[in-house]
Amino acid sequence: MVKSELVQKLCRLHINILRKDIEKIVEIIVSEMSAALCKNEAVEIRGWGRMKIIIRKARLGRNPKNSTTVSVPEKRAIKWKMSKILYNRLNKNFTENKIPVNY
């Protein structure tokens, strides 16, 4: 799902709110999450998951085209951990043994 699909679905669910207002709300949420991550703050949405910034150390990598060694600098990345609620929703069929196992 992309942002425009999310806006469209929200418009269908809340017909009394204008589309431009929903677009603005979604944009504010995304920008606030980005701003918090830029300030090294964790972002947690209960029932969905938690995002936080980690720092990947500098390392030596390999260029796949010509196999030369390349220095990869230190960089920041996002680490996401899903909530237990989402984990259970995603793995419901697996834990209830409803999926047949073919060997």
PDB file of N, CA and C in Angstrom:
ATOM      1  N   MET A   1       0.848  -1.179   0.000  1.00  0.00           N
ATOM      2  CA  MET A   1       0.000   0.000   0.000  1.00  0.00           C
ATOM      3  C   MET A   1       0.890   1.237   0.000  1.00  0.00           C
ATOM      4  N   VAL A   2       0.574   2.139  -0.874  1.00  0.00           N
ATOM      5  CA  VAL A   2       1.287   3.416  -0.928  1.00  0.00           C
ATOM      6  C   VAL A   2       0.417   4.499  -0.287  1.00  0.00           C
ATOM      7  N   LYS A   3       1.006   5.672  -0.095  1.00  0.00           N
ATOM      8  CA  LYS A   3       0.308   6.742   0.620  1.00  0.00           C
ATOM      9  C   LYS A   3      -1.002   7.130  -0.048  1.00  0.00           C
ATOM     10  N   SER A   4      -1.043   7.183  -1.367  1.00  0.00           N
ATOM     11  CA  SER A   4      -2.278   7.561  -2.059  1.00  0.00           C
ATOM     12  C   SER A   4      -3.381   6.522  -1.843  1.00  0.00           C
ATOM     13  N   GLU A   5      -3.001   5.244  -1.777  1.00  0.00           N
ATOM     14  CA  GLU A   5      -3.993   4.197  -1.497  1.00  0.00           C
ATOM     15  C   GLU A   5      -4.527   4.318  -0.076  1.00  0.00           C
ATOM     16  N   LEU A   6      -3.649   4.665   0.858  1.00  0.00           N
ATOM     17  CA  LEU A   6      -4.081   4.874   2.245  1.00  0.00           C
ATOM     18  C   LEU A   6      -5.065   6.038   2.323  1.00  0.00           C
ATOM     19  N   VAL A   7      -4.758   7.127   1.646  1.00  0.00           N
ATOM     20  CA  VAL A   7      -5.664   8.288   1.634  1.00  0.00           C
ATOM     21  C   VAL A   7      -7.002   7.909   1.021  1.00  0.00           C
ATOM     22  N   GLN A   8      -6.964   7.172  -0.071  1.00  0.00           N
ATOM     23  CA  GLN A   8      -8.201   6.756  -0.739  1.00  0.00           C
ATOM     24  C   GLN A   8      -9.052   5.880   0.173  1.00  0.00           C
ATOM     25  N   LYS A   9      -8.420   4.947   0.880  1.00  0.00           N
ATOM     26  CA  LYS A   9      -9.163   4.064   1.786  1.00  0.00           C
ATOM     27  C   LYS A   9      -9.759   4.860   2.949  1.00  0.00           C
ATOM     28  N   LEU A  10      -8.996   5.802   3.483  1.00  0.00           N
ATOM     29  CA  LEU A  10      -9.517   6.647   4.561  1.00  0.00           C
ATOM     30  C   LEU A  10     -10.681   7.509   4.081  1.00  0.00           C
ATOM     31  N   CYS A  11     -10.619   7.967   2.838  1.00  0.00           N
ATOM     32  CA  CYS A  11     -11.722   8.751   2.278  1.00  0.00           C
ATOM     33  C   CYS A  11     -12.995   7.914   2.175  1.00  0.00           C
ATOM     34  N   ARG A  12     -12.834   6.649   1.794  1.00  0.00           N
ATOM     35  CA  ARG A  12     -14.002   5.768   1.710  1.00  0.00           C
ATOM     36  C   ARG A  12     -14.579   5.463   3.093  1.00  0.00           C
ATOM     37  N   LEU A  13     -13.714   5.358   4.099  1.00  0.00           N
ATOM     38  CA  LEU A  13     -14.185   5.056   5.455  1.00  0.00           C
ATOM     39  C   LEU A  13     -14.816   6.265   6.132  1.00  0.00           C
ATOM     40  N   HIS A  14     -14.317   7.460   5.825  1.00  0.00           N
ATOM     41  CA  HIS A  14     -14.796   8.692   6.477  1.00  0.00           C
ATOM     42  C   HIS A  14     -15.269   9.657   5.397  1.00  0.00           C
ATOM     43  N   ILE A  15     -16.467   9.428   4.900  1.00  0.00           N
ATOM     44  CA  ILE A  15     -16.984  10.225   3.783  1.00  0.00           C
ATOM     45  C   ILE A  15     -17.307  11.665   4.175  1.00  0.00           C
ATOM     46  N   ASN A  16     -17.423  11.935   5.475  1.00  0.00           N
ATOM     47  CA  ASN A  16     -17.759  13.298   5.908  1.00  0.00           C
ATOM     48  C   ASN A  16     -16.520  14.190   6.027  1.00  0.00           C
ATOM     49  N   ILE A  17     -15.319  13.642   5.814  1.00  0.00           N
ATOM     50  CA  ILE A  17     -14.090  14.435   5.863  1.00  0.00           C
ATOM     51  C   ILE A  17     -13.593  14.621   4.427  1.00  0.00           C
ATOM     52  N   LEU A  18     -13.195  15.826   4.102  1.00  0.00           N
ATOM     53  CA  LEU A  18     -12.710  16.137   2.756  1.00  0.00           C
ATOM     54  C   LEU A  18     -11.394  15.425   2.462  1.00  0.00           C
ATOM     55  N   ARG A  19     -11.210  15.084   1.185  1.00  0.00           N
ATOM     56  CA  ARG A  19      -9.989  14.375   0.776  1.00  0.00           C
ATOM     57  C   ARG A  19      -8.733  15.195   1.077  1.00  0.00           C
ATOM     58  N   LYS A  20      -8.778  16.499   0.830  1.00  0.00           N
ATOM     59  CA  LYS A  20      -7.596  17.326   1.072  1.00  0.00           C
ATOM     60  C   LYS A  20      -7.240  17.367   2.557  1.00  0.00           C
ATOM     61  N   ASP A  21      -8.252  17.279   3.430  1.00  0.00           N
ATOM     62  CA  ASP A  21      -7.986  17.240   4.866  1.00  0.00           C
ATOM     63  C   ASP A  21      -7.327  15.913   5.263  1.00  0.00           C
ATOM     64  N   ILE A  22      -7.796  14.818   4.687  1.00  0.00           N
ATOM     65  CA  ILE A  22      -7.198  13.514   4.972  1.00  0.00           C
ATOM     66  C   ILE A  22      -5.766  13.466   4.457  1.00  0.00           C
ATOM     67  N   GLU A  23      -5.527  14.019   3.255  1.00  0.00           N
ATOM     68  CA  GLU A  23      -4.165  14.069   2.719  1.00  0.00           C
ATOM     69  C   GLU A  23      -3.253  14.857   3.645  1.00  0.00           C
ATOM     70  N   LYS A  24      -3.740  15.973   4.181  1.00  0.00           N
ATOM     71  CA  LYS A  24      -2.948  16.803   5.095  1.00  0.00           C
ATOM     72  C   LYS A  24      -2.657  16.056   6.389  1.00  0.00           C
ATOM     73  N   ILE A  25      -3.649  15.330   6.917  1.00  0.00           N
ATOM     74  CA  ILE A  25      -3.458  14.562   8.150  1.00  0.00           C
ATOM     75  C   ILE A  25      -2.386  13.492   7.952  1.00  0.00           C
ATOM     76  N   VAL A  26      -2.475  12.756   6.855  1.00  0.00           N
ATOM     77  CA  VAL A  26      -1.490  11.705   6.574  1.00  0.00           C
ATOM     78  C   VAL A  26      -0.104  12.323   6.411  1.00  0.00           C
ATOM     79  N   GLU A  27      -0.019  13.448   5.720  1.00  0.00           N
ATOM     80  CA  GLU A  27       1.262  14.126   5.523  1.00  0.00           C
ATOM     81  C   GLU A  27       1.855  14.588   6.853  1.00  0.00           C
ATOM     82  N   ILE A  28       1.024  15.101   7.748  1.00  0.00           N
ATOM     83  CA  ILE A  28       1.496  15.544   9.060  1.00  0.00           C
ATOM     84  C   ILE A  28       2.025  14.353   9.858  1.00  0.00           C
ATOM     85  N   ILE A  29       1.314  13.240   9.829  1.00  0.00           N
ATOM     86  CA  ILE A  29       1.750  12.046  10.565  1.00  0.00           C
ATOM     87  C   ILE A  29       3.106  11.576  10.055  1.00  0.00           C
ATOM     88  N   VAL A  30       3.252  11.489   8.739  1.00  0.00           N
ATOM     89  CA  VAL A  30       4.517  11.020   8.157  1.00  0.00           C
ATOM     90  C   VAL A  30       5.655  11.992   8.478  1.00  0.00           C
ATOM     91  N   SER A  31       5.397  13.283   8.363  1.00  0.00           N
ATOM     92  CA  SER A  31       6.457  14.262   8.630  1.00  0.00           C
ATOM     93  C   SER A  31       6.848  14.282  10.108  1.00  0.00           C
ATOM     94  N   GLU A  32       5.896  14.112  11.004  1.00  0.00           N
ATOM     95  CA  GLU A  32       6.216  14.067  12.438  1.00  0.00           C
ATOM     96  C   GLU A  32       7.014  12.824  12.795  1.00  0.00           C
ATOM     97  N   MET A  33       6.682  11.698  12.163  1.00  0.00           N
ATOM     98  CA  MET A  33       7.460  10.478  12.395  1.00  0.00           C
ATOM     99  C   MET A  33       8.885  10.659  11.876  1.00  0.00           C
ATOM    100  N   SER A  34       9.034  11.262  10.705  1.00  0.00           N
ATOM    101  CA  SER A  34      10.360  11.512  10.136  1.00  0.00           C
ATOM    102  C   SER A  34      11.162  12.464  11.019  1.00  0.00           C
ATOM    103  N   ALA A  35      10.517  13.508  11.494  1.00  0.00           N
ATOM    104  CA  ALA A  35      11.206  14.483  12.352  1.00  0.00           C
ATOM    105  C   ALA A  35      11.673  13.834  13.650  1.00  0.00           C
ATOM    106  N   ALA A  36      10.837  12.980  14.238  1.00  0.00           N
ATOM    107  CA  ALA A  36      11.221  12.304  15.474  1.00  0.00           C
ATOM    108  C   ALA A  36      12.415  11.375  15.232  1.00  0.00           C
ATOM    109  N   LEU A  37      12.398  10.652  14.122  1.00  0.00           N
ATOM    110  CA  LEU A  37      13.518   9.759  13.812  1.00  0.00           C
ATOM    111  C   LEU A  37      14.792  10.550  13.539  1.00  0.00           C
ATOM    112  N   CYS A  38      14.677  11.714  12.910  1.00  0.00           N
ATOM    113  CA  CYS A  38      15.855  12.562  12.667  1.00  0.00           C
ATOM    114  C   CYS A  38      16.468  13.071  13.966  1.00  0.00           C
ATOM    115  N   LYS A  39      15.646  13.200  15.009  1.00  0.00           N
ATOM    116  CA  LYS A  39      16.129  13.640  16.323  1.00  0.00           C
ATOM    117  C   LYS A  39      16.534  12.459  17.201  1.00  0.00           C
ATOM    118  N   ASN A  40      16.689  11.269  16.597  1.00  0.00           N
ATOM    119  CA  ASN A  40      17.060  10.033  17.307  1.00  0.00           C
ATOM    120  C   ASN A  40      16.033   9.616  18.357  1.00  0.00           C
ATOM    121  N   GLU A  41      14.789   9.967  18.155  1.00  0.00           N
ATOM    122  CA  GLU A  41      13.718   9.536  19.041  1.00  0.00           C
ATOM    123  C   GLU A  41      13.053   8.300  18.432  1.00  0.00           C
ATOM    124  N   ALA A  42      12.638   7.368  19.279  1.00  0.00           N
ATOM    125  CA  ALA A  42      11.920   6.190  18.800  1.00  0.00           C
ATOM    126  C   ALA A  42      10.471   6.566  18.507  1.00  0.00           C
ATOM    127  N   VAL A  43       9.887   5.903  17.525  1.00  0.00           N
ATOM    128  CA  VAL A  43       8.486   6.110  17.170  1.00  0.00           C
ATOM    129  C   VAL A  43       7.768   4.792  17.431  1.00  0.00           C
ATOM    130  N   GLU A  44       6.778   4.830  18.300  1.00  0.00           N
ATOM    131  CA  GLU A  44       6.042   3.617  18.642  1.00  0.00           C
ATOM    132  C   GLU A  44       4.563   3.824  18.376  1.00  0.00           C
ATOM    133  N   ILE A  45       3.989   2.909  17.611  1.00  0.00           N
ATOM    134  CA  ILE A  45       2.553   2.914  17.363  1.00  0.00           C
ATOM    135  C   ILE A  45       2.033   1.602  17.922  1.00  0.00           C
ATOM    136  N   ARG A  46       1.297   1.691  19.007  1.00  0.00           N
ATOM    137  CA  ARG A  46       0.805   0.496  19.694  1.00  0.00           C
ATOM    138  C   ARG A  46      -0.030  -0.350  18.757  1.00  0.00           C
ATOM    139  N   GLY A  47       0.216  -1.637  18.780  1.00  0.00           N
ATOM    140  CA  GLY A  47      -0.516  -2.557  17.936  1.00  0.00           C
ATOM    141  C   GLY A  47       0.086  -2.718  16.552  1.00  0.00           C
ATOM    142  N   TRP A  48       1.100  -1.898  16.206  1.00  0.00           N
ATOM    143  CA  TRP A  48       1.736  -1.989  14.894  1.00  0.00           C
ATOM    144  C   TRP A  48       3.232  -2.258  15.021  1.00  0.00           C
ATOM    145  N   GLY A  49       3.947  -1.412  15.770  1.00  0.00           N
ATOM    146  CA  GLY A  49       5.370  -1.647  15.928  1.00  0.00           C
ATOM    147  C   GLY A  49       6.120  -0.423  16.409  1.00  0.00           C
ATOM    148  N   ARG A  50       7.448  -0.581  16.435  1.00  0.00           N
ATOM    149  CA  ARG A  50       8.323   0.462  16.935  1.00  0.00           C
ATOM    150  C   ARG A  50       9.491   0.650  15.965  1.00  0.00           C
ATOM    151  N   MET A  51       9.808   1.909  15.658  1.00  0.00           N
ATOM    152  CA  MET A  51      10.949   2.234  14.812  1.00  0.00           C
ATOM    153  C   MET A  51      11.941   3.039  15.629  1.00  0.00           C
ATOM    154  N   LYS A  52      13.220   2.736  15.425  1.00  0.00           N
ATOM    155  CA  LYS A  52      14.255   3.535  16.059  1.00  0.00           C
ATOM    156  C   LYS A  52      15.468   3.579  15.152  1.00  0.00           C
ATOM    157  N   ILE A  53      16.336   4.551  15.394  1.00  0.00           N
ATOM    158  CA  ILE A  53      17.534   4.739  14.592  1.00  0.00           C
ATOM    159  C   ILE A  53      18.670   3.910  15.179  1.00  0.00           C
ATOM    160  N   ILE A  54      19.382   3.202  14.292  1.00  0.00           N
ATOM    161  CA  ILE A  54      20.601   2.510  14.690  1.00  0.00           C
ATOM    162  C   ILE A  54      21.730   3.052  13.827  1.00  0.00           C
ATOM    163  N   ILE A  55      22.946   2.897  14.286  1.00  0.00           N
ATOM    164  CA  ILE A  55      24.106   3.351  13.525  1.00  0.00           C
ATOM    165  C   ILE A  55      24.863   2.123  13.045  1.00  0.00           C
ATOM    166  N   ARG A  56      24.995   2.018  11.732  1.00  0.00           N
ATOM    167  CA  ARG A  56      25.776   0.929  11.134  1.00  0.00           C
ATOM    168  C   ARG A  56      27.222   1.388  11.047  1.00  0.00           C
ATOM    169  N   LYS A  57      28.119   0.578  11.565  1.00  0.00           N
ATOM    170  CA  LYS A  57      29.533   0.931  11.596  1.00  0.00           C
ATOM    171  C   LYS A  57      30.125   0.928  10.184  1.00  0.00           C
ATOM    172  N   ALA A  58      31.210   1.681  10.044  1.00  0.00           N
ATOM    173  CA  ALA A  58      31.939   1.690   8.776  1.00  0.00           C
ATOM    174  C   ALA A  58      32.555   0.301   8.562  1.00  0.00           C
ATOM    175  N   ARG A  59      32.636  -0.107   7.291  1.00  0.00           N
ATOM    176  CA  ARG A  59      33.157  -1.442   6.987  1.00  0.00           C
ATOM    177  C   ARG A  59      33.752  -1.448   5.591  1.00  0.00           C
ATOM    178  N   LEU A  60      34.411  -2.551   5.294  1.00  0.00           N
ATOM    179  CA  LEU A  60      34.923  -2.749   3.948  1.00  0.00           C
ATOM    180  C   LEU A  60      33.930  -3.604   3.187  1.00  0.00           C
ATOM    181  N   GLY A  61      33.554  -3.160   1.997  1.00  0.00           N
ATOM    182  CA  GLY A  61      32.623  -3.889   1.152  1.00  0.00           C
ATOM    183  C   GLY A  61      33.309  -4.286  -0.143  1.00  0.00           C
ATOM    184  N   ARG A  62      32.556  -4.926  -1.017  1.00  0.00           N
ATOM    185  CA  ARG A  62      33.096  -5.369  -2.297  1.00  0.00           C
ATOM    186  C   ARG A  62      32.195  -4.880  -3.411  1.00  0.00           C
ATOM    187  N   ASN A  63      32.787  -4.302  -4.432  1.00  0.00           N
ATOM    188  CA  ASN A  63      32.052  -3.871  -5.608  1.00  0.00           C
ATOM    189  C   ASN A  63      31.722  -5.119  -6.430  1.00  0.00           C
ATOM    190  N   PRO A  64      30.438  -5.440  -6.640  1.00  0.00           N
ATOM    191  CA  PRO A  64      30.101  -6.672  -7.355  1.00  0.00           C
ATOM    192  C   PRO A  64      30.477  -6.663  -8.842  1.00  0.00           C
ATOM    193  N   LYS A  65      30.662  -5.476  -9.424  1.00  0.00           N
ATOM    194  CA  LYS A  65      31.010  -5.416 -10.842  1.00  0.00           C
ATOM    195  C   LYS A  65      32.443  -5.866 -11.114  1.00  0.00           C
ATOM    196  N   ASN A  66      33.368  -5.378 -10.278  1.00  0.00           N
ATOM    197  CA  ASN A  66      34.767  -5.683 -10.562  1.00  0.00           C
ATOM    198  C   ASN A  66      35.529  -6.274  -9.366  1.00  0.00           C
ATOM    199  N   SER A  67      34.835  -6.620  -8.304  1.00  0.00           N
ATOM    200  CA  SER A  67      35.398  -7.272  -7.109  1.00  0.00           C
ATOM    201  C   SER A  67      36.456  -6.453  -6.382  1.00  0.00           C
ATOM    202  N   THR A  68      36.463  -5.151  -6.559  1.00  0.00           N
ATOM    203  CA  THR A  68      37.406  -4.319  -5.815  1.00  0.00           C
ATOM    204  C   THR A  68      36.846  -4.010  -4.436  1.00  0.00           C
ATOM    205  N   THR A  69      37.758  -3.809  -3.495  1.00  0.00           N
ATOM    206  CA  THR A  69      37.356  -3.490  -2.129  1.00  0.00           C
ATOM    207  C   THR A  69      36.991  -2.015  -2.042  1.00  0.00           C
ATOM    208  N   VAL A  70      35.872  -1.738  -1.389  1.00  0.00           N
ATOM    209  CA  VAL A  70      35.363  -0.377  -1.268  1.00  0.00           C
ATOM    210  C   VAL A  70      35.106  -0.091   0.199  1.00  0.00           C
ATOM    211  N   SER A  71      35.422   1.113   0.628  1.00  0.00           N
ATOM    212  CA  SER A  71      35.153   1.526   1.995  1.00  0.00           C
ATOM    213  C   SER A  71      33.715   2.038   2.098  1.00  0.00           C
ATOM    214  N   VAL A  72      32.911   1.423   2.961  1.00  0.00           N
ATOM    215  CA  VAL A  72      31.524   1.838   3.172  1.00  0.00           C
ATOM    216  C   VAL A  72      31.486   2.661   4.458  1.00  0.00           C
ATOM    217  N   PRO A  73      31.074   3.923   4.406  1.00  0.00           N
ATOM    218  CA  PRO A  73      31.109   4.777   5.597  1.00  0.00           C
ATOM    219  C   PRO A  73      30.022   4.415   6.616  1.00  0.00           C
ATOM    220  N   GLU A  74      30.199   4.931   7.829  1.00  0.00           N
ATOM    221  CA  GLU A  74      29.192   4.761   8.878  1.00  0.00           C
ATOM    222  C   GLU A  74      27.917   5.470   8.449  1.00  0.00           C
ATOM    223  N   LYS A  75      26.761   4.867   8.764  1.00  0.00           N
ATOM    224  CA  LYS A  75      25.498   5.504   8.392  1.00  0.00           C
ATOM    225  C   LYS A  75      24.398   5.137   9.370  1.00  0.00           C
ATOM    226  N   ARG A  76      23.352   5.942   9.344  1.00  0.00           N
ATOM    227  CA  ARG A  76      22.191   5.704  10.194  1.00  0.00           C
ATOM    228  C   ARG A  76      21.153   4.925   9.409  1.00  0.00           C
ATOM    229  N   ALA A  77      20.457   4.023  10.105  1.00  0.00           N
ATOM    230  CA  ALA A  77      19.407   3.229   9.468  1.00  0.00           C
ATOM    231  C   ALA A  77      18.258   3.077  10.458  1.00  0.00           C
ATOM    232  N   ILE A  78      17.114   2.647   9.954  1.00  0.00           N
ATOM    233  CA  ILE A  78      15.945   2.440  10.804  1.00  0.00           C
ATOM    234  C   ILE A  78      15.812   0.963  11.119  1.00  0.00           C
ATOM    235  N   LYS A  79      15.594   0.674  12.387  1.00  0.00           N
ATOM    236  CA  LYS A  79      15.310  -0.696  12.816  1.00  0.00           C
ATOM    237  C   LYS A  79      13.849  -0.721  13.245  1.00  0.00           C
ATOM    238  N   TRP A  80      13.102  -1.679  12.692  1.00  0.00           N
ATOM    239  CA  TRP A  80      11.679  -1.777  12.995  1.00  0.00           C
ATOM    240  C   TRP A  80      11.406  -3.106  13.672  1.00  0.00           C
ATOM    241  N   LYS A  81      10.624  -3.059  14.724  1.00  0.00           N
ATOM    242  CA  LYS A  81      10.223  -4.276  15.423  1.00  0.00           C
ATOM    243  C   LYS A  81       8.703  -4.267  15.513  1.00  0.00           C
ATOM    244  N   MET A  82       8.082  -5.345  15.022  1.00  0.00           N
ATOM    245  CA  MET A  82       6.619  -5.386  15.045  1.00  0.00           C
ATOM    246  C   MET A  82       6.109  -5.688  16.450  1.00  0.00           C
ATOM    247  N   SER A  83       4.894  -5.249  16.720  1.00  0.00           N
ATOM    248  CA  SER A  83       4.283  -5.496  18.020  1.00  0.00           C
ATOM    249  C   SER A  83       3.818  -6.946  18.111  1.00  0.00           C
ATOM    250  N   LYS A  84       3.576  -7.393  19.320  1.00  0.00           N
ATOM    251  CA  LYS A  84       3.081  -8.754  19.521  1.00  0.00           C
ATOM    252  C   LYS A  84       1.700  -8.937  18.903  1.00  0.00           C
ATOM    253  N   ILE A  85       0.891  -7.892  18.932  1.00  0.00           N
ATOM    254  CA  ILE A  85      -0.454  -7.959  18.352  1.00  0.00           C
ATOM    255  C   ILE A  85      -0.363  -8.205  16.845  1.00  0.00           C
ATOM    256  N   LEU A  86       0.485  -7.443  16.151  1.00  0.00           N
ATOM    257  CA  LEU A  86       0.654  -7.625  14.713  1.00  0.00           C
ATOM    258  C   LEU A  86       1.287  -8.986  14.422  1.00  0.00           C
ATOM    259  N   TYR A  87       2.262  -9.376  15.220  1.00  0.00           N
ATOM    260  CA  TYR A  87       2.900 -10.683  15.037  1.00  0.00           C
ATOM    261  C   TYR A  87       1.866 -11.803  15.126  1.00  0.00           C
ATOM    262  N   ASN A  88       1.003 -11.731  16.122  1.00  0.00           N
ATOM    263  CA  ASN A  88      -0.025 -12.763  16.282  1.00  0.00           C
ATOM    264  C   ASN A  88      -1.030 -12.748  15.134  1.00  0.00           C
ATOM    265  N   ARG A  89      -1.395 -11.558  14.641  1.00  0.00           N
ATOM    266  CA  ARG A  89      -2.316 -11.477  13.496  1.00  0.00           C
ATOM    267  C   ARG A  89      -1.693 -12.077  12.242  1.00  0.00           C
ATOM    268  N   LEU A  90      -0.412 -11.804  12.020  1.00  0.00           N
ATOM    269  CA  LEU A  90       0.258 -12.328  10.835  1.00  0.00           C
ATOM    270  C   LEU A  90       0.460 -13.840  10.897  1.00  0.00           C
ATOM    271  N   ASN A  91       0.681 -14.365  12.089  1.00  0.00           N
ATOM    272  CA  ASN A  91       1.020 -15.775  12.244  1.00  0.00           C
ATOM    273  C   ASN A  91      -0.124 -16.610  12.805  1.00  0.00           C
ATOM    274  N   LYS A  92      -1.339 -16.108  12.738  1.00  0.00           N
ATOM    275  CA  LYS A  92      -2.499 -16.801  13.298  1.00  0.00           C
ATOM    276  C   LYS A  92      -2.668 -18.187  12.699  1.00  0.00           C
ATOM    277  N   ASN A  93      -2.604 -18.310  11.371  1.00  0.00           N
ATOM    278  CA  ASN A  93      -2.802 -19.601  10.729  1.00  0.00           C
ATOM    279  C   ASN A  93      -1.677 -20.576  11.029  1.00  0.00           C
ATOM    280  N   PHE A  94      -0.480 -20.059  11.225  1.00  0.00           N
ATOM    281  CA  PHE A  94       0.649 -20.937  11.512  1.00  0.00           C
ATOM    282  C   PHE A  94       0.548 -21.517  12.921  1.00  0.00           C
ATOM    283  N   THR A  95       0.122 -20.698  13.885  1.00  0.00           N
ATOM    284  CA  THR A  95       0.053 -21.167  15.261  1.00  0.00           C
ATOM    285  C   THR A  95      -1.129 -22.094  15.503  1.00  0.00           C
ATOM    286  N   GLU A  96      -2.161 -21.973  14.669  1.00  0.00           N
ATOM    287  CA  GLU A  96      -3.325 -22.844  14.832  1.00  0.00           C
ATOM    288  C   GLU A  96      -3.224 -24.106  13.990  1.00  0.00           C
ATOM    289  N   ASN A  97      -2.101 -24.304  13.307  1.00  0.00           N
ATOM    290  CA  ASN A  97      -1.849 -25.495  12.474  1.00  0.00           C
ATOM    291  C   ASN A  97      -2.914 -25.674  11.399  1.00  0.00           C
ATOM    292  N   LYS A  98      -3.411 -24.597  10.830  1.00  0.00           N
ATOM    293  CA  LYS A  98      -4.408 -24.705   9.762  1.00  0.00           C
ATOM    294  C   LYS A  98      -3.764 -24.864   8.396  1.00  0.00           C
ATOM    295  N   ILE A  99      -2.477 -24.576   8.308  1.00  0.00           N
ATOM    296  CA  ILE A  99      -1.807 -24.700   7.011  1.00  0.00           C
ATOM    297  C   ILE A  99      -1.233 -26.108   6.912  1.00  0.00           C
ATOM    298  N   PRO A 100      -1.608 -26.858   5.867  1.00  0.00           N
ATOM    299  CA  PRO A 100      -1.121 -28.221   5.746  1.00  0.00           C
ATOM    300  C   PRO A 100       0.371 -28.251   5.419  1.00  0.00           C
ATOM    301  N   VAL A 101       1.039 -29.231   5.983  1.00  0.00           N
ATOM    302  CA  VAL A 101       2.472 -29.393   5.755  1.00  0.00           C
ATOM    303  C   VAL A 101       2.647 -30.561   4.788  1.00  0.00           C
ATOM    304  N   ASN A 102       3.236 -30.292   3.627  1.00  0.00           N
ATOM    305  CA  ASN A 102       3.467 -31.328   2.614  1.00  0.00           C
ATOM    306  C   ASN A 102       4.953 -31.646   2.573  1.00  0.00           C
ATOM    307  N   TYR A 103       5.298 -32.885   2.844  1.00  0.00           N
ATOM    308  CA  TYR A 103       6.705 -33.288   2.782  1.00  0.00           C
ATOM    309  C   TYR A 103       6.958 -34.182   1.618  1.00  0.00           C
TER     310      TYR A 103
END
